[in-house]
């Protein structure tokens, strides 16, 4: 069983930066993908960025060039560096780990990011 704990959310002005962290406890098995999703009020949860254990990254078009995902496999931690934040980035951000070969998905409880104009 993998448990995820996010941190780093908060209130920031437009144009500012935040760095989210997600620490995973427990062993992550095999080929996996660590990622960040977000859900704004009244909207569906959407993928923000993901990083596979093999190094392949995927970003939502809306964050390309502004957000960077990285991971520290030794610490079982994934990060999301968010720069040039916009009010439309306001959402609850959720960490996700997918064990591809086992069909398992784990979610954190989320951390709120609020960007003021």
C-alpha atoms as a PDB file:
ATOM      1  CA  UNK A   1       0.000   0.000   0.000  1.00  0.00           C
ATOM      2  CA  UNK A   2       1.293   3.424  -0.966  1.00  0.00           C
ATOM      3  CA  UNK A   3       0.292   6.574   0.884  1.00  0.00           C
ATOM      4  CA  UNK A   4       0.857  10.028  -0.552  1.00  0.00           C
ATOM      5  CA  UNK A   5       1.190  13.300   1.316  1.00  0.00           C
ATOM      6  CA  UNK A   6       1.271  16.585  -0.576  1.00  0.00           C
ATOM      7  CA  UNK A   7       2.692  19.864   0.685  1.00  0.00           C
ATOM      8  CA  UNK A   8       3.590  23.300  -0.632  1.00  0.00           C
ATOM      9  CA  UNK A   9       0.234  24.745  -1.578  1.00  0.00           C
ATOM     10  CA  UNK A  10      -0.848  28.201  -0.574  1.00  0.00           C
ATOM     11  CA  UNK A  11      -1.798  31.681  -1.693  1.00  0.00           C
ATOM     12  CA  UNK A  12       0.360  33.470  -4.242  1.00  0.00           C
ATOM     13  CA  UNK A  13      -0.038  36.497  -6.477  1.00  0.00           C
ATOM     14  CA  UNK A  14      -0.249  36.148 -10.224  1.00  0.00           C
ATOM     15  CA  UNK A  15       3.216  35.835 -11.701  1.00  0.00           C
ATOM     16  CA  UNK A  16       4.573  34.178  -8.593  1.00  0.00           C
ATOM     17  CA  UNK A  17       5.906  30.694  -7.986  1.00  0.00           C
ATOM     18  CA  UNK A  18       5.174  27.719  -5.785  1.00  0.00           C
ATOM     19  CA  UNK A  19       6.751  24.309  -5.421  1.00  0.00           C
ATOM     20  CA  UNK A  20       4.589  21.338  -4.551  1.00  0.00           C
ATOM     21  CA  UNK A  21       6.001  18.182  -3.035  1.00  0.00           C
ATOM     22  CA  UNK A  22       4.502  14.734  -2.704  1.00  0.00           C
ATOM     23  CA  UNK A  23       6.127  12.127  -0.513  1.00  0.00           C
ATOM     24  CA  UNK A  24       5.184   8.500  -1.019  1.00  0.00           C
ATOM     25  CA  UNK A  25       5.419   5.992   1.810  1.00  0.00           C
ATOM     26  CA  UNK A  26       5.543   2.305   1.037  1.00  0.00           C
ATOM     27  CA  UNK A  27       7.152   0.581  -1.888  1.00  0.00           C
ATOM     28  CA  UNK A  28       6.206   1.641  -5.381  1.00  0.00           C
ATOM     29  CA  UNK A  29       6.295  -1.444  -7.562  1.00  0.00           C
ATOM     30  CA  UNK A  30       7.697  -1.801 -11.027  1.00  0.00           C
ATOM     31  CA  UNK A  31       7.132   0.583 -13.902  1.00  0.00           C
ATOM     32  CA  UNK A  32       5.245   3.544 -12.531  1.00  0.00           C
ATOM     33  CA  UNK A  33       4.098   7.051 -13.271  1.00  0.00           C
ATOM     34  CA  UNK A  34       4.075   9.844 -10.706  1.00  0.00           C
ATOM     35  CA  UNK A  35       1.977  12.839 -11.517  1.00  0.00           C
ATOM     36  CA  UNK A  36      -0.019  15.849 -10.519  1.00  0.00           C
ATOM     37  CA  UNK A  37      -3.668  16.489 -11.253  1.00  0.00           C
ATOM     38  CA  UNK A  38      -5.809  19.461 -10.348  1.00  0.00           C
ATOM     39  CA  UNK A  39      -9.453  20.185  -9.865  1.00  0.00           C
ATOM     40  CA  UNK A  40     -10.881  23.681  -9.929  1.00  0.00           C
ATOM     41  CA  UNK A  41     -14.341  24.448  -8.495  1.00  0.00           C
ATOM     42  CA  UNK A  42     -17.045  23.180 -10.813  1.00  0.00           C
ATOM     43  CA  UNK A  43     -14.584  21.471 -13.137  1.00  0.00           C
ATOM     44  CA  UNK A  44     -13.370  17.951 -13.698  1.00  0.00           C
ATOM     45  CA  UNK A  45     -10.039  16.755 -12.408  1.00  0.00           C
ATOM     46  CA  UNK A  46      -7.382  17.139 -15.081  1.00  0.00           C
ATOM     47  CA  UNK A  47      -3.818  16.013 -15.579  1.00  0.00           C
ATOM     48  CA  UNK A  48      -1.248  18.734 -14.992  1.00  0.00           C
ATOM     49  CA  UNK A  49       1.991  16.818 -15.431  1.00  0.00           C
ATOM     50  CA  UNK A  50       3.345  13.296 -15.141  1.00  0.00           C
ATOM     51  CA  UNK A  51       6.742  11.685 -15.051  1.00  0.00           C
ATOM     52  CA  UNK A  52       7.251   8.003 -15.705  1.00  0.00           C
ATOM     53  CA  UNK A  53       9.929   5.917 -14.030  1.00  0.00           C
ATOM     54  CA  UNK A  54      11.629   5.713 -17.424  1.00  0.00           C
ATOM     55  CA  UNK A  55      11.867   9.491 -17.606  1.00  0.00           C
ATOM     56  CA  UNK A  56       9.086  10.376 -20.030  1.00  0.00           C
ATOM     57  CA  UNK A  57       7.205  13.526 -19.096  1.00  0.00           C
ATOM     58  CA  UNK A  58       3.770  14.739 -20.100  1.00  0.00           C
ATOM     59  CA  UNK A  59       2.340  18.211 -19.526  1.00  0.00           C
ATOM     60  CA  UNK A  60      -1.029  19.801 -20.045  1.00  0.00           C
ATOM     61  CA  UNK A  61      -0.845  22.413 -22.804  1.00  0.00           C
ATOM     62  CA  UNK A  62      -1.950  25.081 -20.349  1.00  0.00           C
ATOM     63  CA  UNK A  63       1.149  24.656 -18.171  1.00  0.00           C
ATOM     64  CA  UNK A  64       3.862  23.911 -20.713  1.00  0.00           C
ATOM     65  CA  UNK A  65       6.810  26.253 -20.285  1.00  0.00           C
ATOM     66  CA  UNK A  66       5.643  27.319 -16.809  1.00  0.00           C
ATOM     67  CA  UNK A  67       5.533  24.111 -14.745  1.00  0.00           C
ATOM     68  CA  UNK A  68       8.236  21.492 -14.290  1.00  0.00           C
ATOM     69  CA  UNK A  69       7.791  18.055 -12.807  1.00  0.00           C
ATOM     70  CA  UNK A  70      10.670  16.160 -11.252  1.00  0.00           C
ATOM     71  CA  UNK A  71      11.162  13.193  -8.968  1.00  0.00           C
ATOM     72  CA  UNK A  72      13.667  11.905  -6.474  1.00  0.00           C
ATOM     73  CA  UNK A  73      13.407   8.138  -6.611  1.00  0.00           C
ATOM     74  CA  UNK A  74      15.621   7.709  -3.565  1.00  0.00           C
ATOM     75  CA  UNK A  75      13.168   9.739  -1.521  1.00  0.00           C
ATOM     76  CA  UNK A  76      10.043   8.476  -3.315  1.00  0.00           C
ATOM     77  CA  UNK A  77       9.095  12.095  -3.838  1.00  0.00           C
ATOM     78  CA  UNK A  78       7.690  13.970  -6.796  1.00  0.00           C
ATOM     79  CA  UNK A  79       7.810  17.728  -7.181  1.00  0.00           C
ATOM     80  CA  UNK A  80       5.949  20.290  -9.227  1.00  0.00           C
ATOM     81  CA  UNK A  81       7.673  23.624  -9.725  1.00  0.00           C
ATOM     82  CA  UNK A  82       5.083  26.178 -10.786  1.00  0.00           C
ATOM     83  CA  UNK A  83       6.244  29.479 -12.201  1.00  0.00           C
ATOM     84  CA  UNK A  84       4.399  32.415 -13.767  1.00  0.00           C
ATOM     85  CA  UNK A  85       1.239  31.378 -11.983  1.00  0.00           C
ATOM     86  CA  UNK A  86      -2.091  32.604 -13.278  1.00  0.00           C
ATOM     87  CA  UNK A  87      -5.460  32.941 -11.532  1.00  0.00           C
ATOM     88  CA  UNK A  88      -6.722  30.091 -13.705  1.00  0.00           C
ATOM     89  CA  UNK A  89      -4.178  27.795 -12.038  1.00  0.00           C
ATOM     90  CA  UNK A  90      -6.226  28.055  -8.844  1.00  0.00           C
ATOM     91  CA  UNK A  91      -7.291  24.538  -7.874  1.00  0.00           C
ATOM     92  CA  UNK A  92      -6.770  21.682  -5.496  1.00  0.00           C
ATOM     93  CA  UNK A  93      -3.688  19.811  -6.679  1.00  0.00           C
ATOM     94  CA  UNK A  94      -3.562  16.062  -6.197  1.00  0.00           C
ATOM     95  CA  UNK A  95      -0.573  13.778  -6.312  1.00  0.00           C
ATOM     96  CA  UNK A  96      -0.992  10.447  -8.098  1.00  0.00           C
ATOM     97  CA  UNK A  97       1.113   7.325  -8.371  1.00  0.00           C
ATOM     98  CA  UNK A  98       0.208   4.649 -10.892  1.00  0.00           C
ATOM     99  CA  UNK A  99       1.783   1.212 -10.734  1.00  0.00           C
ATOM    100  CA  UNK A 100       1.429   0.393 -14.390  1.00  0.00           C
ATOM    101  CA  UNK A 101       2.050  -3.331 -14.233  1.00  0.00           C
ATOM    102  CA  UNK A 102      -0.302  -3.841 -11.298  1.00  0.00           C
ATOM    103  CA  UNK A 103      -3.135  -1.571 -12.369  1.00  0.00           C
ATOM    104  CA  UNK A 104      -3.018   0.323  -9.099  1.00  0.00           C
ATOM    105  CA  UNK A 105      -3.676   4.042  -8.628  1.00  0.00           C
ATOM    106  CA  UNK A 106      -2.904   5.926  -5.432  1.00  0.00           C
ATOM    107  CA  UNK A 107      -4.030   9.463  -4.611  1.00  0.00           C
ATOM    108  CA  UNK A 108      -3.078  12.071  -2.084  1.00  0.00           C
ATOM    109  CA  UNK A 109      -5.660  14.183  -0.279  1.00  0.00           C
ATOM    110  CA  UNK A 110      -4.770  17.305  -2.206  1.00  0.00           C
ATOM    111  CA  UNK A 111      -3.271  20.688  -1.519  1.00  0.00           C
ATOM    112  CA  UNK A 112      -4.954  23.979  -2.360  1.00  0.00           C
ATOM    113  CA  UNK A 113      -3.242  26.483  -4.634  1.00  0.00           C
ATOM    114  CA  UNK A 114      -4.836  29.903  -4.862  1.00  0.00           C
ATOM    115  CA  UNK A 115      -3.515  32.497  -7.302  1.00  0.00           C
ATOM    116  CA  UNK A 116      -4.782  36.026  -6.800  1.00  0.00           C
ATOM    117  CA  UNK A 117      -4.959  38.580  -9.602  1.00  0.00           C
END
